[in-house]
């Protein structure tokens, strides 16, 4: 690691990634267990906000430029600033995005079929 700042950026982004992944899994859990609570609203809100930030930044992580500024030249265009190998980092948007959509569909179907 070239600098402590780069280590902090990668660590911070890794924590965000783990939190967002937990949100996706919680939405799926909530749909399957018919749990409609404040945590579900916060999970959906967090993911919608994260998706908006990602989309408004031309589908690049906003921390990528900062990470590159501090010496991370090996990252990819999506998520250069996370502690994952580049091949795994490139899979985050399609895998997590797809699982988010599936989770929302499960939540909606269960709710519409009388899940409350």
Protein backbone atom coordinates (compact mmCIF):
# COMPACT_ATOMS: atom_id res chain seq x y z
CA UNK A 1 0.00 0.00 0.00
CA UNK A 2 1.55 3.25 -1.11
CA UNK A 3 0.05 5.56 1.50
CA UNK A 4 -1.98 5.53 4.71
CA UNK A 5 -4.58 7.69 2.95
CA UNK A 6 -5.08 5.04 0.27
CA UNK A 7 -5.43 2.37 2.94
CA UNK A 8 -8.10 4.51 4.66
CA UNK A 9 -9.98 5.10 1.37
CA UNK A 10 -9.98 1.38 0.55
CA UNK A 11 -10.99 0.45 4.09
CA UNK A 12 -13.79 3.02 4.16
CA UNK A 13 -15.13 1.88 0.81
CA UNK A 14 -14.91 -1.76 1.84
CA UNK A 15 -17.06 -0.95 4.90
CA UNK A 16 -19.59 0.81 2.65
CA UNK A 17 -19.63 -2.23 0.36
CA UNK A 18 -20.24 -4.58 3.30
CA UNK A 19 -23.02 -2.34 4.64
CA UNK A 20 -24.74 -2.15 1.25
CA UNK A 21 -24.43 -5.92 0.82
CA UNK A 22 -26.06 -6.38 4.23
CA UNK A 23 -28.87 -4.04 3.16
CA UNK A 24 -29.52 -6.15 0.05
CA UNK A 25 -29.61 -9.33 2.10
CA UNK A 26 -31.91 -7.72 4.67
CA UNK A 27 -34.40 -6.74 1.95
CA UNK A 28 -34.45 -10.33 0.72
CA UNK A 29 -34.83 -11.59 4.30
CA UNK A 30 -37.64 -9.10 4.96
CA UNK A 31 -39.48 -10.21 1.85
CA UNK A 32 -39.17 -13.89 2.67
CA UNK A 33 -40.20 -13.44 6.32
CA UNK A 34 -42.83 -10.72 5.77
CA UNK A 35 -40.95 -8.32 8.01
CA UNK A 36 -41.88 -4.71 7.26
CA UNK A 37 -40.07 -2.42 9.65
CA UNK A 38 -37.93 0.70 9.86
CA UNK A 39 -34.83 -1.36 9.04
CA UNK A 40 -36.36 -2.35 5.73
CA UNK A 41 -37.08 1.29 4.89
CA UNK A 42 -33.53 2.28 5.86
CA UNK A 43 -32.05 -0.56 3.79
CA UNK A 44 -34.05 0.39 0.71
CA UNK A 45 -33.32 4.09 1.21
CA UNK A 46 -29.59 3.44 1.60
CA UNK A 47 -29.47 1.39 -1.59
CA UNK A 48 -31.50 3.89 -3.58
CA UNK A 49 -29.18 6.68 -2.43
CA UNK A 50 -26.08 4.63 -3.26
CA UNK A 51 -27.49 3.76 -6.69
CA UNK A 52 -28.26 7.41 -7.39
CA UNK A 53 -24.75 8.49 -6.41
CA UNK A 54 -23.26 5.75 -8.60
CA UNK A 55 -25.50 6.65 -11.57
CA UNK A 56 -24.93 10.41 -11.23
CA UNK A 57 -21.19 9.76 -11.23
CA UNK A 58 -21.47 8.08 -14.67
CA UNK A 59 -21.51 4.58 -13.16
CA UNK A 60 -18.16 4.98 -11.46
CA UNK A 61 -17.48 4.95 -7.78
CA UNK A 62 -16.95 8.53 -6.58
CA UNK A 63 -13.98 7.38 -4.51
CA UNK A 64 -12.13 6.06 -7.57
CA UNK A 65 -10.54 9.40 -8.47
CA UNK A 66 -9.51 9.95 -4.87
CA UNK A 67 -8.00 6.48 -4.62
CA UNK A 68 -6.08 7.00 -7.84
CA UNK A 69 -4.85 10.35 -6.58
CA UNK A 70 -3.26 8.51 -3.65
CA UNK A 71 -1.59 5.87 -5.80
CA UNK A 72 -4.10 3.17 -6.72
CA UNK A 73 -3.41 2.77 -10.43
CA UNK A 74 -4.45 -0.91 -10.53
CA UNK A 75 -8.17 -0.44 -9.93
CA UNK A 76 -10.86 -0.69 -12.56
CA UNK A 77 -13.24 2.01 -13.76
CA UNK A 78 -16.02 0.96 -11.43
CA UNK A 79 -14.57 0.32 -8.00
CA UNK A 80 -10.85 0.97 -7.78
CA UNK A 81 -10.95 1.66 -4.10
CA UNK A 82 -11.93 -1.59 -2.41
CA UNK A 83 -10.02 -4.52 -0.95
CA UNK A 84 -11.01 -7.03 -3.63
CA UNK A 85 -9.16 -8.40 -6.64
CA UNK A 86 -10.00 -6.46 -9.82
CA UNK A 87 -11.95 -9.39 -11.36
CA UNK A 88 -14.22 -9.52 -8.28
CA UNK A 89 -14.63 -5.75 -8.08
CA UNK A 90 -15.90 -5.64 -11.67
CA UNK A 91 -18.67 -8.09 -10.73
CA UNK A 92 -20.04 -5.97 -7.88
CA UNK A 93 -22.42 -3.76 -9.90
CA UNK A 94 -24.12 -6.56 -11.88
CA UNK A 95 -24.24 -9.06 -9.01
CA UNK A 96 -25.31 -6.66 -6.28
CA UNK A 97 -27.62 -4.74 -8.61
CA UNK A 98 -29.24 -7.95 -9.78
CA UNK A 99 -29.67 -9.23 -6.24
CA UNK A 100 -31.15 -5.87 -5.21
CA UNK A 101 -33.74 -6.11 -8.00
CA UNK A 102 -34.54 -9.75 -7.13
CA UNK A 103 -34.93 -8.79 -3.46
CA UNK A 104 -37.31 -5.96 -4.34
CA UNK A 105 -39.34 -8.29 -6.57
CA UNK A 106 -39.59 -10.90 -3.79
CA UNK A 107 -40.61 -8.18 -1.33
CA UNK A 108 -43.26 -6.81 -3.71
CA UNK A 109 -44.70 -10.22 -4.66
CA UNK A 110 -44.98 -11.35 -1.04
CA UNK A 111 -46.58 -8.05 -0.06
CA UNK A 112 -49.03 -8.11 -2.97
CA UNK A 113 -50.01 -11.71 -2.19
CA UNK A 114 -51.09 -10.67 1.28
CA UNK A 115 -47.83 -10.69 3.13
CA UNK A 116 -49.02 -8.24 5.73
